[in-house]
Amino acid sequence: MNGLTAWKKVMLGMVTGALWGWGIAVQASEVVTVKEPWVGATVVGQTATGAFMKIFAKERVKLVGGSSPVAGVVEIHEMAMEKDVMKMRAIAALPIGAGETVELKPGGYHVMLIQLARPIKVGEQVPLRLQFERRDGTRFEVEVVGEGRKVGGMTGEGHNKGGGH
């Protein structure tokens, strides 16, 4: 938003607010735009779930972490084939190229919410704060609100029992 007048910033804020009000989850920074964030709904006793979204970067960045008031730990994870077995593991960072959109989705890269304080309900608004790192090492955060949704075929059981970690 460099070079924007105060009036343009106010207008951009109003448009973004209107989009949020219409249920279109969009969060933008000067560098990153996050679209369609959602979080897997859970059942009683489930201690982890995934957060999914599309992340567009104007410049090369890395997604390096996050936080949420609903989880004790937030990590970046990937699903990968190892000797014909799909395994999940935490990764230190997820690179996103300049002008690139990376989709975090079930069965691929995703943000893990671990040590859940309580179950996540369908339709619930779940706040997340994602941390990114620029090429020069400076970090910035983007706040996102993901809607709780059912996850087809992903129950979170592998996370509760150490699945592939």
C-alpha atoms as a PDB file:
ATOM      1  CA  MET A   1       0.000   0.000   0.000  1.00  0.00           C
ATOM      2  CA  ASN A   2       3.005   2.267  -0.355  1.00  0.00           C
ATOM      3  CA  GLY A   3       2.084   5.568  -1.934  1.00  0.00           C
ATOM      4  CA  LEU A   4      -1.623   5.321  -1.109  1.00  0.00           C
ATOM      5  CA  THR A   5      -3.227   8.455   0.191  1.00  0.00           C
ATOM      6  CA  ALA A   6      -5.078   8.323   3.488  1.00  0.00           C
ATOM      7  CA  TRP A   7      -8.380   8.525   1.571  1.00  0.00           C
ATOM      8  CA  LYS A   8      -7.482   5.499  -0.575  1.00  0.00           C
ATOM      9  CA  LYS A   9      -6.491   3.523   2.526  1.00  0.00           C
ATOM     10  CA  VAL A  10      -9.848   4.322   4.127  1.00  0.00           C
ATOM     11  CA  MET A  11     -11.684   3.248   0.951  1.00  0.00           C
ATOM     12  CA  LEU A  12      -9.658   0.029   0.751  1.00  0.00           C
ATOM     13  CA  GLY A  13     -10.530  -0.684   4.386  1.00  0.00           C
ATOM     14  CA  MET A  14     -14.221  -0.111   3.684  1.00  0.00           C
ATOM     15  CA  VAL A  15     -14.185  -2.430   0.657  1.00  0.00           C
ATOM     16  CA  THR A  16     -12.323  -5.128   2.596  1.00  0.00           C
ATOM     17  CA  GLY A  17     -14.808  -4.745   5.462  1.00  0.00           C
ATOM     18  CA  ALA A  18     -17.722  -5.098   3.043  1.00  0.00           C
ATOM     19  CA  LEU A  19     -16.209  -8.296   1.604  1.00  0.00           C
ATOM     20  CA  TRP A  20     -15.856  -9.725   5.127  1.00  0.00           C
ATOM     21  CA  GLY A  21     -19.473  -8.776   5.819  1.00  0.00           C
ATOM     22  CA  TRP A  22     -20.605 -10.685   2.717  1.00  0.00           C
ATOM     23  CA  GLY A  23     -18.798 -13.812   3.903  1.00  0.00           C
ATOM     24  CA  ILE A  24     -15.925 -13.464   1.437  1.00  0.00           C
ATOM     25  CA  ALA A  25     -12.866 -14.158   3.553  1.00  0.00           C
ATOM     26  CA  VAL A  26     -10.039 -12.069   2.111  1.00  0.00           C
ATOM     27  CA  GLN A  27      -7.066 -10.725   4.008  1.00  0.00           C
ATOM     28  CA  ALA A  28      -4.372  -8.672   2.356  1.00  0.00           C
ATOM     29  CA  SER A  29      -1.086  -7.131   3.332  1.00  0.00           C
ATOM     30  CA  GLU A  30       1.314  -5.201   1.151  1.00  0.00           C
ATOM     31  CA  VAL A  31       2.911  -8.481   0.114  1.00  0.00           C
ATOM     32  CA  VAL A  32       0.482 -11.377   0.713  1.00  0.00           C
ATOM     33  CA  THR A  33      -3.204 -11.984   0.034  1.00  0.00           C
ATOM     34  CA  VAL A  34      -5.000 -14.897   1.717  1.00  0.00           C
ATOM     35  CA  LYS A  35      -8.247 -16.132   0.174  1.00  0.00           C
ATOM     36  CA  GLU A  36     -10.833 -18.762   1.122  1.00  0.00           C
ATOM     37  CA  PRO A  37      -9.430 -19.688   4.556  1.00  0.00           C
ATOM     38  CA  TRP A  38     -11.203 -22.485   6.406  1.00  0.00           C
ATOM     39  CA  VAL A  39     -10.511 -24.814   9.318  1.00  0.00           C
ATOM     40  CA  GLY A  40     -11.471 -28.459   9.700  1.00  0.00           C
ATOM     41  CA  ALA A  41     -14.294 -28.963  12.179  1.00  0.00           C
ATOM     42  CA  THR A  42     -13.491 -31.453  14.953  1.00  0.00           C
ATOM     43  CA  VAL A  43     -15.196 -33.818  17.349  1.00  0.00           C
ATOM     44  CA  VAL A  44     -14.930 -33.973  21.139  1.00  0.00           C
ATOM     45  CA  GLY A  45     -11.526 -35.375  22.099  1.00  0.00           C
ATOM     46  CA  GLN A  46      -9.839 -34.465  18.809  1.00  0.00           C
ATOM     47  CA  THR A  47      -6.736 -32.450  19.657  1.00  0.00           C
ATOM     48  CA  ALA A  48      -5.648 -31.236  16.206  1.00  0.00           C
ATOM     49  CA  THR A  49      -7.028 -30.056  12.886  1.00  0.00           C
ATOM     50  CA  GLY A  50      -5.878 -28.394   9.697  1.00  0.00           C
ATOM     51  CA  ALA A  51      -6.357 -24.900   8.318  1.00  0.00           C
ATOM     52  CA  PHE A  52      -6.560 -24.480   4.556  1.00  0.00           C
ATOM     53  CA  MET A  53      -6.449 -21.494   2.206  1.00  0.00           C
ATOM     54  CA  LYS A  54      -4.981 -19.954  -0.941  1.00  0.00           C
ATOM     55  CA  ILE A  55      -1.997 -17.653  -0.441  1.00  0.00           C
ATOM     56  CA  PHE A  56      -0.839 -15.226  -3.154  1.00  0.00           C
ATOM     57  CA  ALA A  57       2.500 -13.425  -2.774  1.00  0.00           C
ATOM     58  CA  LYS A  58       3.528 -10.307  -4.697  1.00  0.00           C
ATOM     59  CA  GLU A  59       7.164 -10.999  -3.840  1.00  0.00           C
ATOM     60  CA  ARG A  60       9.053 -14.114  -2.774  1.00  0.00           C
ATOM     61  CA  VAL A  61       8.235 -14.984   0.832  1.00  0.00           C
ATOM     62  CA  LYS A  62       8.097 -17.972   3.169  1.00  0.00           C
ATOM     63  CA  LEU A  63       5.224 -18.960   5.433  1.00  0.00           C
ATOM     64  CA  VAL A  64       7.142 -19.678   8.634  1.00  0.00           C
ATOM     65  CA  GLY A  65       4.556 -20.063  11.376  1.00  0.00           C
ATOM     66  CA  GLY A  66       1.435 -18.855  13.014  1.00  0.00           C
ATOM     67  CA  SER A  67      -0.698 -18.671  16.108  1.00  0.00           C
ATOM     68  CA  SER A  68      -4.336 -18.971  17.101  1.00  0.00           C
ATOM     69  CA  PRO A  69      -6.202 -18.519  20.364  1.00  0.00           C
ATOM     70  CA  VAL A  70      -7.836 -21.947  19.815  1.00  0.00           C
ATOM     71  CA  ALA A  71      -4.542 -23.896  19.615  1.00  0.00           C
ATOM     72  CA  GLY A  72      -1.489 -24.268  21.813  1.00  0.00           C
ATOM     73  CA  VAL A  73       0.740 -24.955  18.803  1.00  0.00           C
ATOM     74  CA  VAL A  74       0.496 -23.905  15.144  1.00  0.00           C
ATOM     75  CA  GLU A  75       2.797 -25.550  12.579  1.00  0.00           C
ATOM     76  CA  ILE A  76       3.211 -25.694   8.816  1.00  0.00           C
ATOM     77  CA  HIS A  77       2.836 -29.284   7.520  1.00  0.00           C
ATOM     78  CA  GLU A  78       3.207 -31.184   4.293  1.00  0.00           C
ATOM     79  CA  MET A  79       1.905 -34.518   3.095  1.00  0.00           C
ATOM     80  CA  ALA A  80       4.463 -36.497   1.092  1.00  0.00           C
ATOM     81  CA  MET A  81       4.868 -39.997  -0.297  1.00  0.00           C
ATOM     82  CA  GLU A  82       7.627 -42.042   1.356  1.00  0.00           C
ATOM     83  CA  LYS A  83       8.074 -45.586   0.025  1.00  0.00           C
ATOM     84  CA  ASP A  84       4.454 -45.779  -1.190  1.00  0.00           C
ATOM     85  CA  VAL A  85       3.103 -44.457   2.131  1.00  0.00           C
ATOM     86  CA  MET A  86       1.591 -40.994   2.542  1.00  0.00           C
ATOM     87  CA  LYS A  87       3.150 -39.319   5.577  1.00  0.00           C
ATOM     88  CA  MET A  88       2.658 -35.973   7.211  1.00  0.00           C
ATOM     89  CA  ARG A  89       5.411 -33.920   8.763  1.00  0.00           C
ATOM     90  CA  ALA A  90       6.073 -30.437  10.069  1.00  0.00           C
ATOM     91  CA  ILE A  91       8.249 -28.206   7.898  1.00  0.00           C
ATOM     92  CA  ALA A  92      10.183 -25.108   8.941  1.00  0.00           C
ATOM     93  CA  ALA A  93       8.871 -22.952   6.095  1.00  0.00           C
ATOM     94  CA  LEU A  94       6.744 -23.021   2.947  1.00  0.00           C
ATOM     95  CA  PRO A  95       8.296 -20.940   0.141  1.00  0.00           C
ATOM     96  CA  ILE A  96       5.943 -18.925  -2.069  1.00  0.00           C
ATOM     97  CA  GLY A  97       7.378 -17.398  -5.240  1.00  0.00           C
ATOM     98  CA  ALA A  98       6.743 -13.867  -6.472  1.00  0.00           C
ATOM     99  CA  GLY A  99       3.433 -13.729  -8.329  1.00  0.00           C
ATOM    100  CA  GLU A 100       2.609 -17.273  -7.196  1.00  0.00           C
ATOM    101  CA  THR A 101      -0.463 -18.689  -5.459  1.00  0.00           C
ATOM    102  CA  VAL A 102       0.006 -21.700  -3.194  1.00  0.00           C
ATOM    103  CA  GLU A 103      -3.061 -23.668  -2.145  1.00  0.00           C
ATOM    104  CA  LEU A 104      -3.050 -25.221   1.298  1.00  0.00           C
ATOM    105  CA  LYS A 105      -5.486 -28.138   1.146  1.00  0.00           C
ATOM    106  CA  PRO A 106      -6.244 -31.527   2.688  1.00  0.00           C
ATOM    107  CA  GLY A 107      -3.683 -34.063   1.476  1.00  0.00           C
ATOM    108  CA  GLY A 108      -1.125 -31.343   0.707  1.00  0.00           C
ATOM    109  CA  TYR A 109       0.452 -28.408   2.468  1.00  0.00           C
ATOM    110  CA  HIS A 110      -1.609 -27.101   5.377  1.00  0.00           C
ATOM    111  CA  VAL A 111      -1.428 -25.251   8.683  1.00  0.00           C
ATOM    112  CA  MET A 112      -1.860 -27.542  11.700  1.00  0.00           C
ATOM    113  CA  LEU A 113      -3.658 -26.366  14.806  1.00  0.00           C
ATOM    114  CA  ILE A 114      -2.435 -28.623  17.620  1.00  0.00           C
ATOM    115  CA  GLN A 115      -3.386 -28.834  21.313  1.00  0.00           C
ATOM    116  CA  LEU A 116      -6.878 -27.542  20.612  1.00  0.00           C
ATOM    117  CA  ALA A 117      -8.501 -25.936  23.635  1.00  0.00           C
ATOM    118  CA  ARG A 118     -11.928 -27.176  22.507  1.00  0.00           C
ATOM    119  CA  PRO A 119     -13.678 -28.672  19.470  1.00  0.00           C
ATOM    120  CA  ILE A 120     -14.033 -26.529  16.331  1.00  0.00           C
ATOM    121  CA  LYS A 121     -17.665 -26.370  15.187  1.00  0.00           C
ATOM    122  CA  VAL A 122     -18.993 -26.197  11.634  1.00  0.00           C
ATOM    123  CA  GLY A 123     -19.645 -22.519  10.865  1.00  0.00           C
ATOM    124  CA  GLU A 124     -17.424 -21.232  13.687  1.00  0.00           C
ATOM    125  CA  GLN A 125     -15.108 -18.313  12.866  1.00  0.00           C
ATOM    126  CA  VAL A 126     -11.544 -19.325  13.813  1.00  0.00           C
ATOM    127  CA  PRO A 127      -8.903 -16.554  14.049  1.00  0.00           C
ATOM    128  CA  LEU A 128      -5.401 -17.288  12.784  1.00  0.00           C
ATOM    129  CA  ARG A 129      -2.306 -15.136  12.630  1.00  0.00           C
ATOM    130  CA  LEU A 130       0.103 -16.280   9.921  1.00  0.00           C
ATOM    131  CA  GLN A 131       3.765 -15.284  10.015  1.00  0.00           C
ATOM    132  CA  PHE A 132       5.731 -14.701   6.810  1.00  0.00           C
ATOM    133  CA  GLU A 133       9.382 -13.935   6.129  1.00  0.00           C
ATOM    134  CA  ARG A 134      10.738 -11.791   3.295  1.00  0.00           C
ATOM    135  CA  ARG A 135      13.983 -12.473   1.427  1.00  0.00           C
ATOM    136  CA  ASP A 136      15.814  -9.966   3.652  1.00  0.00           C
ATOM    137  CA  GLY A 137      14.725 -11.881   6.776  1.00  0.00           C
ATOM    138  CA  THR A 138      12.159  -9.365   7.991  1.00  0.00           C
ATOM    139  CA  ARG A 139       8.924 -10.875   9.208  1.00  0.00           C
ATOM    140  CA  PHE A 140       5.332  -9.736   9.061  1.00  0.00           C
ATOM    141  CA  GLU A 141       1.982 -11.188  10.079  1.00  0.00           C
ATOM    142  CA  VAL A 142      -1.369 -11.508   8.349  1.00  0.00           C
ATOM    143  CA  GLU A 143      -4.538 -12.038  10.364  1.00  0.00           C
ATOM    144  CA  VAL A 144      -7.071 -14.436   8.869  1.00  0.00           C
ATOM    145  CA  VAL A 145     -10.432 -15.807   9.997  1.00  0.00           C
ATOM    146  CA  GLY A 146     -11.250 -19.296   8.754  1.00  0.00           C
ATOM    147  CA  GLU A 147     -14.705 -20.832   8.854  1.00  0.00           C
ATOM    148  CA  GLY A 148     -15.094 -24.239  10.484  1.00  0.00           C
ATOM    149  CA  ARG A 149     -16.045 -26.839   7.832  1.00  0.00           C
ATOM    150  CA  LYS A 150     -16.326 -30.600   7.562  1.00  0.00           C
ATOM    151  CA  VAL A 151     -13.233 -32.211   6.076  1.00  0.00           C
ATOM    152  CA  GLY A 152     -13.993 -35.128   3.763  1.00  0.00           C
ATOM    153  CA  GLY A 153     -11.984 -38.165   4.815  1.00  0.00           C
ATOM    154  CA  MET A 154      -9.669 -36.262   7.194  1.00  0.00           C
ATOM    155  CA  THR A 155     -10.550 -36.908  10.821  1.00  0.00           C
ATOM    156  CA  GLY A 156      -7.373 -35.715  12.498  1.00  0.00           C
ATOM    157  CA  GLU A 157      -6.773 -39.139  14.087  1.00  0.00           C
ATOM    158  CA  GLY A 158      -3.268 -39.375  12.621  1.00  0.00           C
ATOM    159  CA  HIS A 159      -2.304 -36.207  14.446  1.00  0.00           C
ATOM    160  CA  ASN A 160      -3.612 -37.431  17.778  1.00  0.00           C
ATOM    161  CA  LYS A 161      -1.575 -40.612  17.510  1.00  0.00           C
ATOM    162  CA  GLY A 162       1.597 -39.099  16.014  1.00  0.00           C
ATOM    163  CA  GLY A 163       0.647 -40.113  12.442  1.00  0.00           C
ATOM    164  CA  GLY A 164       3.869 -39.974  10.474  1.00  0.00           C
ATOM    165  CA  HIS A 165       5.687 -37.540  12.783  1.00  0.00           C
END
